[in-house]
């Protein structure tokens, strides 16, 4: 029987394979001279979903956020640990009292198919600490899939980053 970590790793591989397949299909569709008509619409929808996620996170509305995240969601956190929807939301909830500021510096959505979008960006997070405020900059890559008529985030990777040069 596969353990919990094995299931998470297997789910992560499935998501990577789906992303690669979508990328291959998307590149074939785009070879005809521009993006397929549904690609731009998908990018707009995911950009809106990412902005909603951000607002929901700032409002600490964890129940609403969990509806945007798929049940089979996999996260690779900035420390390299694997997690799922519940562990990510638990982390947000635990950190929320220390968050002074949360700003999205960059957001780019790239459709690889009409039903698959990769969103990437940079967040600037200011936290209360024992010796004053600290900044943490996180680059993220989110994989969104259109399922049953609604966009769901199925995977996220977070990497610690440096501040953008102005």
C-alpha atoms as a PDB file:
ATOM      1  CA  UNK A   1       0.000   0.000   0.000  1.00  0.00           C
ATOM      2  CA  UNK A   2       1.295   3.470  -0.888  1.00  0.00           C
ATOM      3  CA  UNK A   3       1.975   5.809   2.053  1.00  0.00           C
ATOM      4  CA  UNK A   4       0.784   9.401   2.310  1.00  0.00           C
ATOM      5  CA  UNK A   5       4.093  10.833   1.058  1.00  0.00           C
ATOM      6  CA  UNK A   6       4.125   8.349  -1.815  1.00  0.00           C
ATOM      7  CA  UNK A   7       0.621   9.440  -2.782  1.00  0.00           C
ATOM      8  CA  UNK A   8       1.677  13.092  -2.773  1.00  0.00           C
ATOM      9  CA  UNK A   9       4.717  12.351  -4.911  1.00  0.00           C
ATOM     10  CA  UNK A  10       2.617  10.271  -7.319  1.00  0.00           C
ATOM     11  CA  UNK A  11       0.033  13.074  -7.540  1.00  0.00           C
ATOM     12  CA  UNK A  12       2.838  15.545  -8.236  1.00  0.00           C
ATOM     13  CA  UNK A  13       4.148  13.388 -11.066  1.00  0.00           C
ATOM     14  CA  UNK A  14       0.663  13.098 -12.556  1.00  0.00           C
ATOM     15  CA  UNK A  15       0.296  16.887 -12.479  1.00  0.00           C
ATOM     16  CA  UNK A  16       3.704  17.342 -14.103  1.00  0.00           C
ATOM     17  CA  UNK A  17       2.807  14.841 -16.820  1.00  0.00           C
ATOM     18  CA  UNK A  18      -0.536  16.582 -17.432  1.00  0.00           C
ATOM     19  CA  UNK A  19       1.257  19.924 -17.620  1.00  0.00           C
ATOM     20  CA  UNK A  20       3.788  18.543 -20.095  1.00  0.00           C
ATOM     21  CA  UNK A  21       1.007  17.049 -22.218  1.00  0.00           C
ATOM     22  CA  UNK A  22      -0.891  20.328 -22.153  1.00  0.00           C
ATOM     23  CA  UNK A  23       2.280  22.164 -23.124  1.00  0.00           C
ATOM     24  CA  UNK A  24       2.844  19.814 -26.046  1.00  0.00           C
ATOM     25  CA  UNK A  25      -0.761  20.175 -27.196  1.00  0.00           C
ATOM     26  CA  UNK A  26      -0.640  23.928 -26.673  1.00  0.00           C
ATOM     27  CA  UNK A  27       2.513  24.338 -28.724  1.00  0.00           C
ATOM     28  CA  UNK A  28       0.954  22.345 -31.581  1.00  0.00           C
ATOM     29  CA  UNK A  29      -2.204  24.464 -31.417  1.00  0.00           C
ATOM     30  CA  UNK A  30      -0.178  27.650 -31.405  1.00  0.00           C
ATOM     31  CA  UNK A  31       1.927  26.723 -34.447  1.00  0.00           C
ATOM     32  CA  UNK A  32      -0.738  27.970 -36.813  1.00  0.00           C
ATOM     33  CA  UNK A  33       0.212  31.597 -36.214  1.00  0.00           C
ATOM     34  CA  UNK A  34      -0.788  32.809 -32.774  1.00  0.00           C
ATOM     35  CA  UNK A  35      -2.584  31.496 -29.781  1.00  0.00           C
ATOM     36  CA  UNK A  36      -5.787  29.535 -30.063  1.00  0.00           C
ATOM     37  CA  UNK A  37      -8.862  31.643 -29.343  1.00  0.00           C
ATOM     38  CA  UNK A  38      -9.491  29.977 -25.982  1.00  0.00           C
ATOM     39  CA  UNK A  39      -5.979  30.639 -24.723  1.00  0.00           C
ATOM     40  CA  UNK A  40      -6.436  34.382 -24.137  1.00  0.00           C
ATOM     41  CA  UNK A  41      -9.750  33.751 -22.392  1.00  0.00           C
ATOM     42  CA  UNK A  42      -8.123  31.115 -20.178  1.00  0.00           C
ATOM     43  CA  UNK A  43      -5.300  33.515 -19.264  1.00  0.00           C
ATOM     44  CA  UNK A  44      -7.797  36.225 -18.300  1.00  0.00           C
ATOM     45  CA  UNK A  45      -9.816  33.787 -16.196  1.00  0.00           C
ATOM     46  CA  UNK A  46      -6.751  32.552 -14.315  1.00  0.00           C
ATOM     47  CA  UNK A  47      -5.412  36.081 -13.811  1.00  0.00           C
ATOM     48  CA  UNK A  48      -8.756  36.932 -12.217  1.00  0.00           C
ATOM     49  CA  UNK A  49      -8.652  33.741 -10.104  1.00  0.00           C
ATOM     50  CA  UNK A  50      -5.114  34.554  -8.890  1.00  0.00           C
ATOM     51  CA  UNK A  51      -6.217  38.060  -7.898  1.00  0.00           C
ATOM     52  CA  UNK A  52      -9.240  36.609  -6.091  1.00  0.00           C
ATOM     53  CA  UNK A  53      -6.965  34.118  -4.275  1.00  0.00           C
ATOM     54  CA  UNK A  54      -4.809  37.024  -3.141  1.00  0.00           C
ATOM     55  CA  UNK A  55      -7.807  39.028  -1.864  1.00  0.00           C
ATOM     56  CA  UNK A  56      -9.264  35.963  -0.131  1.00  0.00           C
ATOM     57  CA  UNK A  57      -5.902  35.279   1.530  1.00  0.00           C
ATOM     58  CA  UNK A  58      -5.718  38.888   2.763  1.00  0.00           C
ATOM     59  CA  UNK A  59      -9.268  38.545   4.150  1.00  0.00           C
ATOM     60  CA  UNK A  60      -8.347  35.260   5.880  1.00  0.00           C
ATOM     61  CA  UNK A  61     -11.355  33.527   4.279  1.00  0.00           C
ATOM     62  CA  UNK A  62      -9.946  30.001   4.359  1.00  0.00           C
ATOM     63  CA  UNK A  63     -13.234  28.258   3.492  1.00  0.00           C
ATOM     64  CA  UNK A  64     -13.579  30.307   0.305  1.00  0.00           C
ATOM     65  CA  UNK A  65      -9.922  29.717  -0.598  1.00  0.00           C
ATOM     66  CA  UNK A  66     -10.270  25.946  -0.198  1.00  0.00           C
ATOM     67  CA  UNK A  67     -12.988  25.987  -2.892  1.00  0.00           C
ATOM     68  CA  UNK A  68     -10.483  27.386  -5.426  1.00  0.00           C
ATOM     69  CA  UNK A  69      -7.918  24.714  -4.668  1.00  0.00           C
ATOM     70  CA  UNK A  70      -8.464  21.184  -5.989  1.00  0.00           C
ATOM     71  CA  UNK A  71      -8.778  18.266  -3.601  1.00  0.00           C
ATOM     72  CA  UNK A  72      -5.737  16.650  -5.249  1.00  0.00           C
ATOM     73  CA  UNK A  73      -3.647  19.846  -4.944  1.00  0.00           C
ATOM     74  CA  UNK A  74       0.101  19.418  -4.403  1.00  0.00           C
ATOM     75  CA  UNK A  75       2.486  22.109  -3.172  1.00  0.00           C
ATOM     76  CA  UNK A  76       6.261  22.154  -3.102  1.00  0.00           C
ATOM     77  CA  UNK A  77       6.977  24.780  -0.459  1.00  0.00           C
ATOM     78  CA  UNK A  78       9.997  27.080  -0.275  1.00  0.00           C
ATOM     79  CA  UNK A  79      11.737  24.708   2.156  1.00  0.00           C
ATOM     80  CA  UNK A  80      11.336  21.799  -0.277  1.00  0.00           C
ATOM     81  CA  UNK A  81       8.577  20.098   1.698  1.00  0.00           C
ATOM     82  CA  UNK A  82       5.563  18.572   0.004  1.00  0.00           C
ATOM     83  CA  UNK A  83       2.090  19.501   1.087  1.00  0.00           C
ATOM     84  CA  UNK A  84      -1.530  19.524   0.085  1.00  0.00           C
ATOM     85  CA  UNK A  85      -4.489  21.918   0.196  1.00  0.00           C
ATOM     86  CA  UNK A  86      -5.047  21.438   3.927  1.00  0.00           C
ATOM     87  CA  UNK A  87      -1.395  21.912   4.902  1.00  0.00           C
ATOM     88  CA  UNK A  88      -1.107  25.058   2.750  1.00  0.00           C
ATOM     89  CA  UNK A  89      -4.226  26.644   4.259  1.00  0.00           C
ATOM     90  CA  UNK A  90      -3.091  25.650   7.762  1.00  0.00           C
ATOM     91  CA  UNK A  91       0.218  27.423   7.078  1.00  0.00           C
ATOM     92  CA  UNK A  92      -1.600  30.539   5.852  1.00  0.00           C
ATOM     93  CA  UNK A  93      -3.858  30.480   8.912  1.00  0.00           C
ATOM     94  CA  UNK A  94      -0.924  30.146  11.337  1.00  0.00           C
ATOM     95  CA  UNK A  95       1.047  32.952   9.673  1.00  0.00           C
ATOM     96  CA  UNK A  96      -1.921  35.357   9.261  1.00  0.00           C
ATOM     97  CA  UNK A  97      -1.603  37.090  12.690  1.00  0.00           C
ATOM     98  CA  UNK A  98       2.012  38.048  11.838  1.00  0.00           C
ATOM     99  CA  UNK A  99       1.295  39.394   8.323  1.00  0.00           C
ATOM    100  CA  UNK A 100       1.570  43.173   8.202  1.00  0.00           C
ATOM    101  CA  UNK A 101       1.476  43.473   4.420  1.00  0.00           C
ATOM    102  CA  UNK A 102       0.950  41.186   1.455  1.00  0.00           C
ATOM    103  CA  UNK A 103       1.615  42.560  -2.034  1.00  0.00           C
ATOM    104  CA  UNK A 104       1.672  40.831  -5.388  1.00  0.00           C
ATOM    105  CA  UNK A 105       4.550  42.408  -7.303  1.00  0.00           C
ATOM    106  CA  UNK A 106       4.241  40.391 -10.516  1.00  0.00           C
ATOM    107  CA  UNK A 107       1.614  38.113 -12.051  1.00  0.00           C
ATOM    108  CA  UNK A 108       1.820  36.468 -15.471  1.00  0.00           C
ATOM    109  CA  UNK A 109      -0.602  33.844 -16.789  1.00  0.00           C
ATOM    110  CA  UNK A 110       0.477  31.610 -19.686  1.00  0.00           C
ATOM    111  CA  UNK A 111      -2.045  29.250 -21.263  1.00  0.00           C
ATOM    112  CA  UNK A 112      -0.570  25.997 -22.511  1.00  0.00           C
ATOM    113  CA  UNK A 113      -4.017  24.792 -23.614  1.00  0.00           C
ATOM    114  CA  UNK A 114      -7.522  26.215 -23.489  1.00  0.00           C
ATOM    115  CA  UNK A 115      -8.037  24.322 -20.227  1.00  0.00           C
ATOM    116  CA  UNK A 116      -4.563  24.560 -18.655  1.00  0.00           C
ATOM    117  CA  UNK A 117      -2.756  27.701 -17.481  1.00  0.00           C
ATOM    118  CA  UNK A 118       0.518  28.239 -15.681  1.00  0.00           C
ATOM    119  CA  UNK A 119       0.555  31.397 -13.546  1.00  0.00           C
ATOM    120  CA  UNK A 120       3.748  32.797 -12.086  1.00  0.00           C
ATOM    121  CA  UNK A 121       4.525  35.787  -9.974  1.00  0.00           C
ATOM    122  CA  UNK A 122       6.315  37.401  -7.079  1.00  0.00           C
ATOM    123  CA  UNK A 123       4.816  38.195  -3.678  1.00  0.00           C
ATOM    124  CA  UNK A 124       6.243  40.649  -1.134  1.00  0.00           C
ATOM    125  CA  UNK A 125       5.242  39.627   2.380  1.00  0.00           C
ATOM    126  CA  UNK A 126       5.971  41.804   5.429  1.00  0.00           C
ATOM    127  CA  UNK A 127       5.827  39.968   8.743  1.00  0.00           C
ATOM    128  CA  UNK A 128       5.940  41.032  12.390  1.00  0.00           C
ATOM    129  CA  UNK A 129       8.993  39.633  14.082  1.00  0.00           C
ATOM    130  CA  UNK A 130      10.559  39.793  17.516  1.00  0.00           C
ATOM    131  CA  UNK A 131      13.069  42.359  16.286  1.00  0.00           C
ATOM    132  CA  UNK A 132      10.775  44.332  13.969  1.00  0.00           C
ATOM    133  CA  UNK A 133       9.294  43.796  10.552  1.00  0.00           C
ATOM    134  CA  UNK A 134      10.881  41.451   8.020  1.00  0.00           C
ATOM    135  CA  UNK A 135      10.275  40.989   4.305  1.00  0.00           C
ATOM    136  CA  UNK A 136       9.998  37.695   2.528  1.00  0.00           C
ATOM    137  CA  UNK A 137       9.829  37.581  -1.249  1.00  0.00           C
ATOM    138  CA  UNK A 138       8.325  34.477  -2.826  1.00  0.00           C
ATOM    139  CA  UNK A 139       8.202  33.487  -6.470  1.00  0.00           C
ATOM    140  CA  UNK A 140       5.356  31.138  -7.234  1.00  0.00           C
ATOM    141  CA  UNK A 141       4.260  28.940 -10.088  1.00  0.00           C
ATOM    142  CA  UNK A 142       0.649  27.751 -10.007  1.00  0.00           C
ATOM    143  CA  UNK A 143      -0.890  25.207 -12.350  1.00  0.00           C
ATOM    144  CA  UNK A 144      -4.587  25.745 -13.088  1.00  0.00           C
ATOM    145  CA  UNK A 145      -6.915  23.287 -14.811  1.00  0.00           C
ATOM    146  CA  UNK A 146     -10.460  23.936 -16.013  1.00  0.00           C
ATOM    147  CA  UNK A 147     -12.552  21.161 -14.439  1.00  0.00           C
ATOM    148  CA  UNK A 148     -16.320  20.875 -14.567  1.00  0.00           C
ATOM    149  CA  UNK A 149     -16.605  24.456 -15.816  1.00  0.00           C
ATOM    150  CA  UNK A 150     -14.467  26.088 -13.106  1.00  0.00           C
ATOM    151  CA  UNK A 151     -10.792  26.857 -12.763  1.00  0.00           C
ATOM    152  CA  UNK A 152      -8.984  25.006  -9.972  1.00  0.00           C
ATOM    153  CA  UNK A 153      -5.386  25.283  -8.858  1.00  0.00           C
ATOM    154  CA  UNK A 154      -3.889  21.783  -8.861  1.00  0.00           C
ATOM    155  CA  UNK A 155      -0.241  22.518  -8.051  1.00  0.00           C
ATOM    156  CA  UNK A 156       2.009  25.237  -6.678  1.00  0.00           C
ATOM    157  CA  UNK A 157       5.756  25.674  -6.290  1.00  0.00           C
ATOM    158  CA  UNK A 158       7.156  28.432  -4.061  1.00  0.00           C
ATOM    159  CA  UNK A 159      10.758  29.632  -4.141  1.00  0.00           C
ATOM    160  CA  UNK A 160      12.290  32.279  -1.896  1.00  0.00           C
ATOM    161  CA  UNK A 161      13.453  35.230  -3.981  1.00  0.00           C
ATOM    162  CA  UNK A 162      15.113  38.626  -3.850  1.00  0.00           C
ATOM    163  CA  UNK A 163      13.369  41.975  -4.156  1.00  0.00           C
ATOM    164  CA  UNK A 164      12.894  43.196  -7.711  1.00  0.00           C
ATOM    165  CA  UNK A 165      15.166  46.018  -8.803  1.00  0.00           C
ATOM    166  CA  UNK A 166      13.143  49.160  -9.336  1.00  0.00           C
END
